Amino acid sequence: MLTLAVLRVRLKCSKHPNFQPRQGAGAVKGACTRCGQLVAIHEQHQRLMRMLAETPAREYDQRPRKEAPDTRQQQLF
């Protein structure tokens, strides 16, 4: 079983604080490595979210369940 928690990270480039990674690699100014890394992180996150959305949901346990045996002592009544 895989459990993913909601992760919120606020990362900014110290040189370009108004840069938004969702603008893409074309918006990186002057080949800034920090902005490029932010774009790469954003793209990987989007890819992970797409993969999770495309993964079909499945029951946790598809095996038929056996009923528990009756352990009450009926002979005492």
C-alpha atoms as a PDB file:
ATOM      1  CA  MET A   1       0.000   0.000   0.000  1.00  0.00           C
ATOM      2  CA  LEU A   2       1.254   3.447  -0.889  1.00  0.00           C
ATOM      3  CA  THR A   3       0.280   6.452   1.175  1.00  0.00           C
ATOM      4  CA  LEU A   4       0.990   9.940  -0.064  1.00  0.00           C
ATOM      5  CA  ALA A   5       0.381  12.990   2.031  1.00  0.00           C
ATOM      6  CA  VAL A   6      -0.373  16.443   0.771  1.00  0.00           C
ATOM      7  CA  LEU A   7       2.871  18.301   0.456  1.00  0.00           C
ATOM      8  CA  ARG A   8       2.987  22.054   0.181  1.00  0.00           C
ATOM      9  CA  VAL A   9       6.347  23.640  -0.472  1.00  0.00           C
ATOM     10  CA  ARG A  10       6.953  27.288  -1.162  1.00  0.00           C
ATOM     11  CA  LEU A  11      10.185  27.549  -3.104  1.00  0.00           C
ATOM     12  CA  LYS A  12      11.442  30.728  -4.723  1.00  0.00           C
ATOM     13  CA  CYS A  13      14.502  31.765  -6.615  1.00  0.00           C
ATOM     14  CA  SER A  14      16.421  34.400  -4.689  1.00  0.00           C
ATOM     15  CA  LYS A  15      17.340  36.171  -7.936  1.00  0.00           C
ATOM     16  CA  HIS A  16      13.857  36.008  -9.510  1.00  0.00           C
ATOM     17  CA  PRO A  17      11.242  35.997  -6.723  1.00  0.00           C
ATOM     18  CA  ASN A  18       8.316  36.551  -9.126  1.00  0.00           C
ATOM     19  CA  PHE A  19       9.125  33.527 -11.298  1.00  0.00           C
ATOM     20  CA  GLN A  20       6.361  30.903 -11.412  1.00  0.00           C
ATOM     21  CA  PRO A  21       7.477  27.379 -12.440  1.00  0.00           C
ATOM     22  CA  ARG A  22       4.116  26.689 -14.118  1.00  0.00           C
ATOM     23  CA  GLN A  23       5.124  29.264 -16.759  1.00  0.00           C
ATOM     24  CA  GLY A  24       7.558  26.671 -18.092  1.00  0.00           C
ATOM     25  CA  ALA A  25      11.192  26.590 -19.100  1.00  0.00           C
ATOM     26  CA  GLY A  26      10.682  29.436 -21.585  1.00  0.00           C
ATOM     27  CA  ALA A  27      10.135  31.876 -18.729  1.00  0.00           C
ATOM     28  CA  VAL A  28      13.536  31.195 -17.126  1.00  0.00           C
ATOM     29  CA  LYS A  29      15.616  34.359 -17.338  1.00  0.00           C
ATOM     30  CA  GLY A  30      19.288  34.184 -18.216  1.00  0.00           C
ATOM     31  CA  ALA A  31      19.538  30.385 -17.887  1.00  0.00           C
ATOM     32  CA  CYS A  32      19.126  30.639 -14.103  1.00  0.00           C
ATOM     33  CA  THR A  33      19.871  27.215 -12.617  1.00  0.00           C
ATOM     34  CA  ARG A  34      17.562  27.725  -9.629  1.00  0.00           C
ATOM     35  CA  CYS A  35      14.615  28.613 -11.840  1.00  0.00           C
ATOM     36  CA  GLY A  36      15.439  25.624 -14.052  1.00  0.00           C
ATOM     37  CA  GLN A  37      15.398  23.337 -11.026  1.00  0.00           C
ATOM     38  CA  LEU A  38      12.047  24.766  -9.936  1.00  0.00           C
ATOM     39  CA  VAL A  39      10.639  24.003 -13.390  1.00  0.00           C
ATOM     40  CA  ALA A  40      11.990  20.429 -13.173  1.00  0.00           C
ATOM     41  CA  ILE A  41      10.411  19.932  -9.733  1.00  0.00           C
ATOM     42  CA  HIS A  42       7.087  21.283 -11.010  1.00  0.00           C
ATOM     43  CA  GLU A  43       7.134  19.020 -14.082  1.00  0.00           C
ATOM     44  CA  GLN A  44       7.920  15.919 -11.995  1.00  0.00           C
ATOM     45  CA  HIS A  45       5.104  16.787  -9.594  1.00  0.00           C
ATOM     46  CA  GLN A  46       2.660  17.174 -12.476  1.00  0.00           C
ATOM     47  CA  ARG A  47       3.811  13.848 -13.924  1.00  0.00           C
ATOM     48  CA  LEU A  48       3.301  12.108 -10.574  1.00  0.00           C
ATOM     49  CA  MET A  49      -0.197  13.568 -10.214  1.00  0.00           C
ATOM     50  CA  ARG A  50      -1.119  12.384 -13.736  1.00  0.00           C
ATOM     51  CA  MET A  51       0.164   8.892 -12.981  1.00  0.00           C
ATOM     52  CA  LEU A  52      -1.847   8.757  -9.766  1.00  0.00           C
ATOM     53  CA  ALA A  53      -4.987   9.918 -11.550  1.00  0.00           C
ATOM     54  CA  GLU A  54      -4.558   7.291 -14.281  1.00  0.00           C
ATOM     55  CA  THR A  55      -3.972   4.418 -11.870  1.00  0.00           C
ATOM     56  CA  PRO A  56      -7.201   2.441 -11.542  1.00  0.00           C
ATOM     57  CA  ALA A  57      -8.662   2.148  -8.062  1.00  0.00           C
ATOM     58  CA  ARG A  58      -8.752  -1.370  -6.694  1.00  0.00           C
ATOM     59  CA  GLU A  59     -10.179  -3.040  -3.661  1.00  0.00           C
ATOM     60  CA  TYR A  60      -7.595  -3.588  -0.956  1.00  0.00           C
ATOM     61  CA  ASP A  61      -8.333  -7.273  -0.547  1.00  0.00           C
ATOM     62  CA  GLN A  62     -10.190  -9.139  -3.275  1.00  0.00           C
ATOM     63  CA  ARG A  63     -10.034 -12.541  -1.604  1.00  0.00           C
ATOM     64  CA  PRO A  64     -13.344 -13.895  -0.323  1.00  0.00           C
ATOM     65  CA  ARG A  65     -13.579 -13.549   3.414  1.00  0.00           C
ATOM     66  CA  LYS A  66     -14.213 -16.557   5.607  1.00  0.00           C
ATOM     67  CA  GLU A  67     -16.796 -16.165   8.308  1.00  0.00           C
ATOM     68  CA  ALA A  68     -15.435 -16.381  11.818  1.00  0.00           C
ATOM     69  CA  PRO A  69     -16.402 -19.581  13.613  1.00  0.00           C
ATOM     70  CA  ASP A  70     -19.080 -19.283  16.268  1.00  0.00           C
ATOM     71  CA  THR A  71     -17.166 -19.547  19.522  1.00  0.00           C
ATOM     72  CA  ARG A  72     -20.139 -19.062  21.852  1.00  0.00           C
ATOM     73  CA  GLN A  73     -20.765 -21.981  24.150  1.00  0.00           C
ATOM     74  CA  GLN A  74     -24.352 -22.853  23.269  1.00  0.00           C
ATOM     75  CA  GLN A  75     -24.283 -26.100  25.285  1.00  0.00           C
ATOM     76  CA  LEU A  76     -24.302 -24.137  28.554  1.00  0.00           C
ATOM     77  CA  PHE A  77     -27.890 -22.933  27.993  1.00  0.00           C
END
